[in-house]
């Protein structure tokens, strides 16, 4: 795997990740973010479970807050 500037993040092509799936998962389990690339562009990331859960929780909270603050806009979008 190729280390990025941040020692807690890694980057590698999807084709290489297929062959190193156990290594990618182990890196995420140890707290690293593994960015997967295709043709040199990031297309996905494998992240530690706690990070994914935190992101999900934050998105749900922001969605609830937006819905609460803008009910008329949501009604209009639903039409």
PDB file of N, CA and C in Angstrom:
ATOM      1  N   UNK A   1       0.847  -1.190   0.000  1.00  0.00           N
ATOM      2  CA  UNK A   1       0.000   0.000   0.000  1.00  0.00           C
ATOM      3  C   UNK A   1       0.879   1.235   0.000  1.00  0.00           C
ATOM      4  N   UNK A   2       0.376   2.280  -0.556  1.00  0.00           N
ATOM      5  CA  UNK A   2       1.118   3.522  -0.640  1.00  0.00           C
ATOM      6  C   UNK A   2       0.668   4.467   0.451  1.00  0.00           C
ATOM      7  N   UNK A   3       1.584   4.900   1.284  1.00  0.00           N
ATOM      8  CA  UNK A   3       1.231   5.824   2.364  1.00  0.00           C
ATOM      9  C   UNK A   3       1.020   7.219   1.797  1.00  0.00           C
ATOM     10  N   UNK A   4       0.051   7.903   2.326  1.00  0.00           N
ATOM     11  CA  UNK A   4      -0.181   9.304   1.973  1.00  0.00           C
ATOM     12  C   UNK A   4       0.589  10.184   2.948  1.00  0.00           C
ATOM     13  N   UNK A   5       0.333  11.487   2.893  1.00  0.00           N
ATOM     14  CA  UNK A   5       0.976  12.432   3.812  1.00  0.00           C
ATOM     15  C   UNK A   5       0.587  12.125   5.255  1.00  0.00           C
ATOM     16  N   UNK A   6      -0.644  11.669   5.452  1.00  0.00           N
ATOM     17  CA  UNK A   6      -1.175  11.385   6.782  1.00  0.00           C
ATOM     18  C   UNK A   6      -0.909   9.920   7.113  1.00  0.00           C
ATOM     19  N   UNK A   7      -0.233   9.668   8.213  1.00  0.00           N
ATOM     20  CA  UNK A   7       0.100   8.290   8.566  1.00  0.00           C
ATOM     21  C   UNK A   7      -1.137   7.467   8.922  1.00  0.00           C
ATOM     22  N   UNK A   8      -2.282   8.122   9.114  1.00  0.00           N
ATOM     23  CA  UNK A   8      -3.516   7.403   9.415  1.00  0.00           C
ATOM     24  C   UNK A   8      -4.341   7.133   8.163  1.00  0.00           C
ATOM     25  N   UNK A   9      -3.789   7.412   6.971  1.00  0.00           N
ATOM     26  CA  UNK A   9      -4.522   7.193   5.724  1.00  0.00           C
ATOM     27  C   UNK A   9      -3.621   6.511   4.707  1.00  0.00           C
ATOM     28  N   UNK A  10      -4.245   5.686   3.894  1.00  0.00           N
ATOM     29  CA  UNK A  10      -3.542   4.965   2.841  1.00  0.00           C
ATOM     30  C   UNK A  10      -4.315   5.122   1.546  1.00  0.00           C
ATOM     31  N   UNK A  11      -3.633   4.906   0.440  1.00  0.00           N
ATOM     32  CA  UNK A  11      -4.278   4.994  -0.862  1.00  0.00           C
ATOM     33  C   UNK A  11      -3.740   3.892  -1.757  1.00  0.00           C
ATOM     34  N   UNK A  12      -4.643   3.219  -2.470  1.00  0.00           N
ATOM     35  CA  UNK A  12      -4.201   2.209  -3.422  1.00  0.00           C
ATOM     36  C   UNK A  12      -5.272   1.978  -4.464  1.00  0.00           C
ATOM     37  N   UNK A  13      -4.873   1.484  -5.638  1.00  0.00           N
ATOM     38  CA  UNK A  13      -5.843   1.212  -6.699  1.00  0.00           C
ATOM     39  C   UNK A  13      -6.806   0.093  -6.307  1.00  0.00           C
ATOM     40  N   UNK A  14      -8.023   0.163  -6.817  1.00  0.00           N
ATOM     41  CA  UNK A  14      -9.021  -0.861  -6.557  1.00  0.00           C
ATOM     42  C   UNK A  14      -8.483  -2.230  -6.966  1.00  0.00           C
ATOM     43  N   UNK A  15      -7.803  -2.286  -8.102  1.00  0.00           N
ATOM     44  CA  UNK A  15      -7.278  -3.571  -8.582  1.00  0.00           C
ATOM     45  C   UNK A  15      -6.298  -4.187  -7.588  1.00  0.00           C
ATOM     46  N   UNK A  16      -5.509  -3.363  -6.929  1.00  0.00           N
ATOM     47  CA  UNK A  16      -4.571  -3.852  -5.911  1.00  0.00           C
ATOM     48  C   UNK A  16      -5.314  -4.220  -4.628  1.00  0.00           C
ATOM     49  N   UNK A  17      -6.347  -3.455  -4.299  1.00  0.00           N
ATOM     50  CA  UNK A  17      -7.115  -3.708  -3.088  1.00  0.00           C
ATOM     51  C   UNK A  17      -7.790  -5.074  -3.154  1.00  0.00           C
ATOM     52  N   UNK A  18      -8.210  -5.486  -4.350  1.00  0.00           N
ATOM     53  CA  UNK A  18      -8.840  -6.806  -4.497  1.00  0.00           C
ATOM     54  C   UNK A  18      -7.897  -7.898  -4.005  1.00  0.00           C
ATOM     55  N   UNK A  19      -6.636  -7.764  -4.370  1.00  0.00           N
ATOM     56  CA  UNK A  19      -5.644  -8.780  -4.003  1.00  0.00           C
ATOM     57  C   UNK A  19      -5.197  -8.670  -2.546  1.00  0.00           C
ATOM     58  N   UNK A  20      -5.473  -7.516  -1.919  1.00  0.00           N
ATOM     59  CA  UNK A  20      -5.006  -7.271  -0.552  1.00  0.00           C
ATOM     60  C   UNK A  20      -6.153  -6.959   0.392  1.00  0.00           C
ATOM     61  N   UNK A  21      -7.309  -7.570   0.154  1.00  0.00           N
ATOM     62  CA  UNK A  21      -8.487  -7.229   0.948  1.00  0.00           C
ATOM     63  C   UNK A  21      -8.251  -7.420   2.444  1.00  0.00           C
ATOM     64  N   UNK A  22      -7.626  -8.517   2.830  1.00  0.00           N
ATOM     65  CA  UNK A  22      -7.374  -8.754   4.260  1.00  0.00           C
ATOM     66  C   UNK A  22      -6.507  -7.643   4.846  1.00  0.00           C
ATOM     67  N   UNK A  23      -5.535  -7.186   4.082  1.00  0.00           N
ATOM     68  CA  UNK A  23      -4.648  -6.102   4.533  1.00  0.00           C
ATOM     69  C   UNK A  23      -5.411  -4.779   4.647  1.00  0.00           C
ATOM     70  N   UNK A  24      -6.296  -4.517   3.680  1.00  0.00           N
ATOM     71  CA  UNK A  24      -7.108  -3.294   3.695  1.00  0.00           C
ATOM     72  C   UNK A  24      -8.013  -3.288   4.925  1.00  0.00           C
ATOM     73  N   UNK A  25      -8.669  -4.416   5.187  1.00  0.00           N
ATOM     74  CA  UNK A  25      -9.560  -4.512   6.346  1.00  0.00           C
ATOM     75  C   UNK A  25      -8.758  -4.360   7.639  1.00  0.00           C
ATOM     76  N   UNK A  26      -7.601  -4.993   7.709  1.00  0.00           N
ATOM     77  CA  UNK A  26      -6.767  -4.880   8.912  1.00  0.00           C
ATOM     78  C   UNK A  26      -6.347  -3.428   9.143  1.00  0.00           C
ATOM     79  N   UNK A  27      -6.035  -2.709   8.064  1.00  0.00           N
ATOM     80  CA  UNK A  27      -5.657  -1.300   8.202  1.00  0.00           C
ATOM     81  C   UNK A  27      -6.814  -0.487   8.777  1.00  0.00           C
ATOM     82  N   UNK A  28      -8.029  -0.730   8.270  1.00  0.00           N
ATOM     83  CA  UNK A  28      -9.203  -0.015   8.785  1.00  0.00           C
ATOM     84  C   UNK A  28      -9.456  -0.386  10.248  1.00  0.00           C
ATOM     85  N   UNK A  29      -9.298  -1.649  10.564  1.00  0.00           N
ATOM     86  CA  UNK A  29      -9.495  -2.079  11.955  1.00  0.00           C
ATOM     87  C   UNK A  29      -8.500  -1.414  12.896  1.00  0.00           C
ATOM     88  N   UNK A  30      -7.325  -1.083  12.380  1.00  0.00           N
ATOM     89  CA  UNK A  30      -6.317  -0.434  13.226  1.00  0.00           C
ATOM     90  C   UNK A  30      -6.463   1.085  13.247  1.00  0.00           C
ATOM     91  N   UNK A  31      -7.532   1.597  12.599  1.00  0.00           N
ATOM     92  CA  UNK A  31      -7.806   3.034  12.662  1.00  0.00           C
ATOM     93  C   UNK A  31      -7.425   3.828  11.438  1.00  0.00           C
ATOM     94  N   UNK A  32      -6.908   3.167  10.413  1.00  0.00           N
ATOM     95  CA  UNK A  32      -6.513   3.880   9.193  1.00  0.00           C
ATOM     96  C   UNK A  32      -7.682   3.983   8.216  1.00  0.00           C
ATOM     97  N   UNK A  33      -7.673   5.043   7.425  1.00  0.00           N
ATOM     98  CA  UNK A  33      -8.612   5.203   6.325  1.00  0.00           C
ATOM     99  C   UNK A  33      -7.873   4.750   5.072  1.00  0.00           C
ATOM    100  N   UNK A  34      -8.503   3.875   4.301  1.00  0.00           N
ATOM    101  CA  UNK A  34      -7.885   3.373   3.075  1.00  0.00           C
ATOM    102  C   UNK A  34      -8.691   3.915   1.895  1.00  0.00           C
ATOM    103  N   UNK A  35      -8.084   4.797   1.125  1.00  0.00           N
ATOM    104  CA  UNK A  35      -8.729   5.387  -0.049  1.00  0.00           C
ATOM    105  C   UNK A  35      -8.451   4.493  -1.242  1.00  0.00           C
ATOM    106  N   UNK A  36      -9.496   4.136  -1.961  1.00  0.00           N
ATOM    107  CA  UNK A  36      -9.357   3.313  -3.147  1.00  0.00           C
ATOM    108  C   UNK A  36      -9.440   4.203  -4.378  1.00  0.00           C
ATOM    109  N   UNK A  37      -8.559   3.959  -5.323  1.00  0.00           N
ATOM    110  CA  UNK A  37      -8.496   4.808  -6.513  1.00  0.00           C
ATOM    111  C   UNK A  37      -8.752   4.003  -7.778  1.00  0.00           C
ATOM    112  N   UNK A  38      -9.218   4.699  -8.791  1.00  0.00           N
ATOM    113  CA  UNK A  38      -9.357   4.145 -10.132  1.00  0.00           C
ATOM    114  C   UNK A  38      -8.813   5.201 -11.085  1.00  0.00           C
ATOM    115  N   UNK A  39      -7.833   4.835 -11.866  1.00  0.00           N
ATOM    116  CA  UNK A  39      -7.175   5.773 -12.787  1.00  0.00           C
ATOM    117  C   UNK A  39      -6.661   7.013 -12.053  1.00  0.00           C
ATOM    118  N   UNK A  40      -6.162   6.795 -10.841  1.00  0.00           N
ATOM    119  CA  UNK A  40      -5.559   7.872 -10.074  1.00  0.00           C
ATOM    120  C   UNK A  40      -6.526   8.765  -9.315  1.00  0.00           C
ATOM    121  N   UNK A  41      -7.813   8.486  -9.414  1.00  0.00           N
ATOM    122  CA  UNK A  41      -8.817   9.309  -8.725  1.00  0.00           C
ATOM    123  C   UNK A  41      -9.472   8.485  -7.614  1.00  0.00           C
ATOM    124  N   UNK A  42      -9.638   9.103  -6.459  1.00  0.00           N
ATOM    125  CA  UNK A  42     -10.294   8.418  -5.350  1.00  0.00           C
ATOM    126  C   UNK A  42     -11.751   8.142  -5.698  1.00  0.00           C
ATOM    127  N   UNK A  43     -12.170   6.901  -5.480  1.00  0.00           N
ATOM    128  CA  UNK A  43     -13.549   6.518  -5.783  1.00  0.00           C
ATOM    129  C   UNK A  43     -14.284   5.957  -4.572  1.00  0.00           C
ATOM    130  N   UNK A  44     -13.555   5.561  -3.546  1.00  0.00           N
ATOM    131  CA  UNK A  44     -14.186   4.980  -2.362  1.00  0.00           C
ATOM    132  C   UNK A  44     -13.187   5.001  -1.217  1.00  0.00           C
ATOM    133  N   UNK A  45     -13.691   4.685  -0.033  1.00  0.00           N
ATOM    134  CA  UNK A  45     -12.811   4.599   1.129  1.00  0.00           C
ATOM    135  C   UNK A  45     -13.299   3.484   2.043  1.00  0.00           C
ATOM    136  N   UNK A  46     -12.354   2.800   2.635  1.00  0.00           N
ATOM    137  CA  UNK A  46     -12.652   1.815   3.673  1.00  0.00           C
ATOM    138  C   UNK A  46     -12.228   2.489   4.975  1.00  0.00           C
ATOM    139  N   UNK A  47     -13.188   2.635   5.876  1.00  0.00           N
ATOM    140  CA  UNK A  47     -12.931   3.393   7.105  1.00  0.00           C
ATOM    141  C   UNK A  47     -13.186   2.530   8.323  1.00  0.00           C
ATOM    142  N   UNK A  48     -12.600   2.902   9.462  1.00  0.00           N
ATOM    143  CA  UNK A  48     -12.899   2.180  10.695  1.00  0.00           C
ATOM    144  C   UNK A  48     -14.403   2.248  10.998  1.00  0.00           C
ATOM    145  N   UNK A  49     -14.943   1.181  11.561  1.00  0.00           N
ATOM    146  CA  UNK A  49     -16.373   1.100  11.849  1.00  0.00           C
ATOM    147  C   UNK A  49     -16.854   2.264  12.706  1.00  0.00           C
ATOM    148  N   UNK A  50     -16.097   2.640  13.702  1.00  0.00           N
ATOM    149  CA  UNK A  50     -16.514   3.749  14.574  1.00  0.00           C
ATOM    150  C   UNK A  50     -16.667   5.039  13.781  1.00  0.00           C
ATOM    151  N   UNK A  51     -15.790   5.254  12.809  1.00  0.00           N
ATOM    152  CA  UNK A  51     -15.871   6.453  11.973  1.00  0.00           C
ATOM    153  C   UNK A  51     -17.138   6.419  11.117  1.00  0.00           C
ATOM    154  N   UNK A  52     -17.458   5.267  10.551  1.00  0.00           N
ATOM    155  CA  UNK A  52     -18.664   5.129   9.738  1.00  0.00           C
ATOM    156  C   UNK A  52     -19.913   5.376  10.580  1.00  0.00           C
ATOM    157  N   UNK A  53     -19.939   4.821  11.784  1.00  0.00           N
ATOM    158  CA  UNK A  53     -21.090   5.018  12.670  1.00  0.00           C
ATOM    159  C   UNK A  53     -21.249   6.480  13.062  1.00  0.00           C
ATOM    160  N   UNK A  54     -20.139   7.147  13.333  1.00  0.00           N
ATOM    161  CA  UNK A  54     -20.186   8.575  13.670  1.00  0.00           C
ATOM    162  C   UNK A  54     -20.724   9.383  12.502  1.00  0.00           C
ATOM    163  N   UNK A  55     -20.249   9.097  11.300  1.00  0.00           N
ATOM    164  CA  UNK A  55     -20.721   9.815  10.109  1.00  0.00           C
ATOM    165  C   UNK A  55     -22.209   9.578   9.899  1.00  0.00           C
ATOM    166  N   UNK A  56     -22.662   8.324  10.030  1.00  0.00           N
ATOM    167  CA  UNK A  56     -24.093   8.026   9.885  1.00  0.00           C
ATOM    168  C   UNK A  56     -24.917   8.794  10.896  1.00  0.00           C
ATOM    169  N   UNK A  57     -24.470   8.799  12.136  1.00  0.00           N
ATOM    170  CA  UNK A  57     -25.194   9.503  13.199  1.00  0.00           C
ATOM    171  C   UNK A  57     -25.269  11.004  12.904  1.00  0.00           C
ATOM    172  N   UNK A  58     -24.162  11.585  12.448  1.00  0.00           N
ATOM    173  CA  UNK A  58     -24.146  13.019  12.153  1.00  0.00           C
ATOM    174  C   UNK A  58     -25.056  13.361  10.980  1.00  0.00           C
ATOM    175  N   UNK A  59     -25.072  12.534   9.950  1.00  0.00           N
ATOM    176  CA  UNK A  59     -25.948  12.780   8.801  1.00  0.00           C
ATOM    177  C   UNK A  59     -27.409  12.707   9.224  1.00  0.00           C
ATOM    178  N   UNK A  60     -27.752  11.689  10.030  1.00  0.00           N
ATOM    179  CA  UNK A  60     -29.143  11.579  10.500  1.00  0.00           C
ATOM    180  C   UNK A  60     -29.547  12.795  11.326  1.00  0.00           C
ATOM    181  N   UNK A  61     -28.653  13.261  12.200  1.00  0.00           N
ATOM    182  CA  UNK A  61     -28.964  14.425  13.034  1.00  0.00           C
ATOM    183  C   UNK A  61     -29.120  15.686  12.178  1.00  0.00           C
ATOM    184  N   UNK A  62     -28.237  15.884  11.221  1.00  0.00           N
ATOM    185  CA  UNK A  62     -28.358  17.049  10.332  1.00  0.00           C
ATOM    186  C   UNK A  62     -29.641  16.988   9.515  1.00  0.00           C
ATOM    187  N   UNK A  63     -30.015  15.792   9.071  1.00  0.00           N
ATOM    188  CA  UNK A  63     -31.258  15.627   8.308  1.00  0.00           C
ATOM    189  C   UNK A  63     -32.465  15.967   9.169  1.00  0.00           C
ATOM    190  N   UNK A  64     -32.464  15.470  10.410  1.00  0.00           N
ATOM    191  CA  UNK A  64     -33.569  15.781  11.323  1.00  0.00           C
ATOM    192  C   UNK A  64     -33.666  17.286  11.575  1.00  0.00           C
ATOM    193  N   UNK A  65     -32.507  17.906  11.809  1.00  0.00           N
ATOM    194  CA  UNK A  65     -32.477  19.336  12.084  1.00  0.00           C
ATOM    195  C   UNK A  65     -32.985  20.125  10.874  1.00  0.00           C
ATOM    196  N   UNK A  66     -32.551  19.734   9.675  1.00  0.00           N
ATOM    197  CA  UNK A  66     -32.994  20.416   8.459  1.00  0.00           C
ATOM    198  C   UNK A  66     -34.499  20.265   8.300  1.00  0.00           C
ATOM    199  N   UNK A  67     -35.009  19.044   8.494  1.00  0.00           N
ATOM    200  CA  UNK A  67     -36.451  18.802   8.359  1.00  0.00           C
ATOM    201  C   UNK A  67     -37.241  19.633   9.359  1.00  0.00           C
ATOM    202  N   UNK A  68     -36.715  19.751  10.561  1.00  0.00           N
ATOM    203  CA  UNK A  68     -37.388  20.539  11.592  1.00  0.00           C
ATOM    204  C   UNK A  68     -37.367  22.025  11.266  1.00  0.00           C
ATOM    205  N   UNK A  69     -36.246  22.502  10.728  1.00  0.00           N
ATOM    206  CA  UNK A  69     -36.094  23.936  10.440  1.00  0.00           C
ATOM    207  C   UNK A  69     -36.755  24.357   9.132  1.00  0.00           C
ATOM    208  N   UNK A  70     -37.007  23.421   8.220  1.00  0.00           N
ATOM    209  CA  UNK A  70     -37.512  23.787   6.887  1.00  0.00           C
ATOM    210  C   UNK A  70     -38.661  22.885   6.423  1.00  0.00           C
ATOM    211  N   UNK A  71     -39.721  22.769   7.213  1.00  0.00           N
ATOM    212  CA  UNK A  71     -40.818  21.871   6.821  1.00  0.00           C
ATOM    213  C   UNK A  71     -41.510  22.298   5.529  1.00  0.00           C
ATOM    214  N   UNK A  72     -41.660  23.588   5.300  1.00  0.00           N
ATOM    215  CA  UNK A  72     -42.341  24.064   4.088  1.00  0.00           C
ATOM    216  C   UNK A  72     -41.541  23.700   2.843  1.00  0.00           C
ATOM    217  N   UNK A  73     -40.240  23.822   2.919  1.00  0.00           N
ATOM    218  CA  UNK A  73     -39.391  23.465   1.783  1.00  0.00           C
ATOM    219  C   UNK A  73     -39.509  21.974   1.483  1.00  0.00           C
ATOM    220  N   UNK A  74     -39.510  21.161   2.508  1.00  0.00           N
ATOM    221  CA  UNK A  74     -39.639  19.718   2.307  1.00  0.00           C
ATOM    222  C   UNK A  74     -40.992  19.363   1.716  1.00  0.00           C
ATOM    223  N   UNK A  75     -42.058  20.061   2.156  1.00  0.00           N
ATOM    224  CA  UNK A  75     -43.382  19.815   1.586  1.00  0.00           C
ATOM    225  C   UNK A  75     -43.399  20.162   0.102  1.00  0.00           C
ATOM    226  N   UNK A  76     -42.759  21.265  -0.239  1.00  0.00           N
ATOM    227  CA  UNK A  76     -42.704  21.693  -1.635  1.00  0.00           C
ATOM    228  C   UNK A  76     -41.920  20.687  -2.483  1.00  0.00           C
ATOM    229  N   UNK A  77     -40.825  20.181  -1.944  1.00  0.00           N
ATOM    230  CA  UNK A  77     -40.036  19.188  -2.677  1.00  0.00           C
ATOM    231  C   UNK A  77     -40.787  17.876  -2.871  1.00  0.00           C
ATOM    232  N   UNK A  78     -41.680  17.560  -1.940  1.00  0.00           N
ATOM    233  CA  UNK A  78     -42.438  16.319  -2.016  1.00  0.00           C
ATOM    234  C   UNK A  78     -43.537  16.373  -3.065  1.00  0.00           C
ATOM    235  N   UNK A  79     -43.898  17.557  -3.538  1.00  0.00           N
ATOM    236  CA  UNK A  79     -44.984  17.696  -4.516  1.00  0.00           C
ATOM    237  C   UNK A  79     -44.608  17.124  -5.859  1.00  0.00           C
TER     238      UNK A  79
END
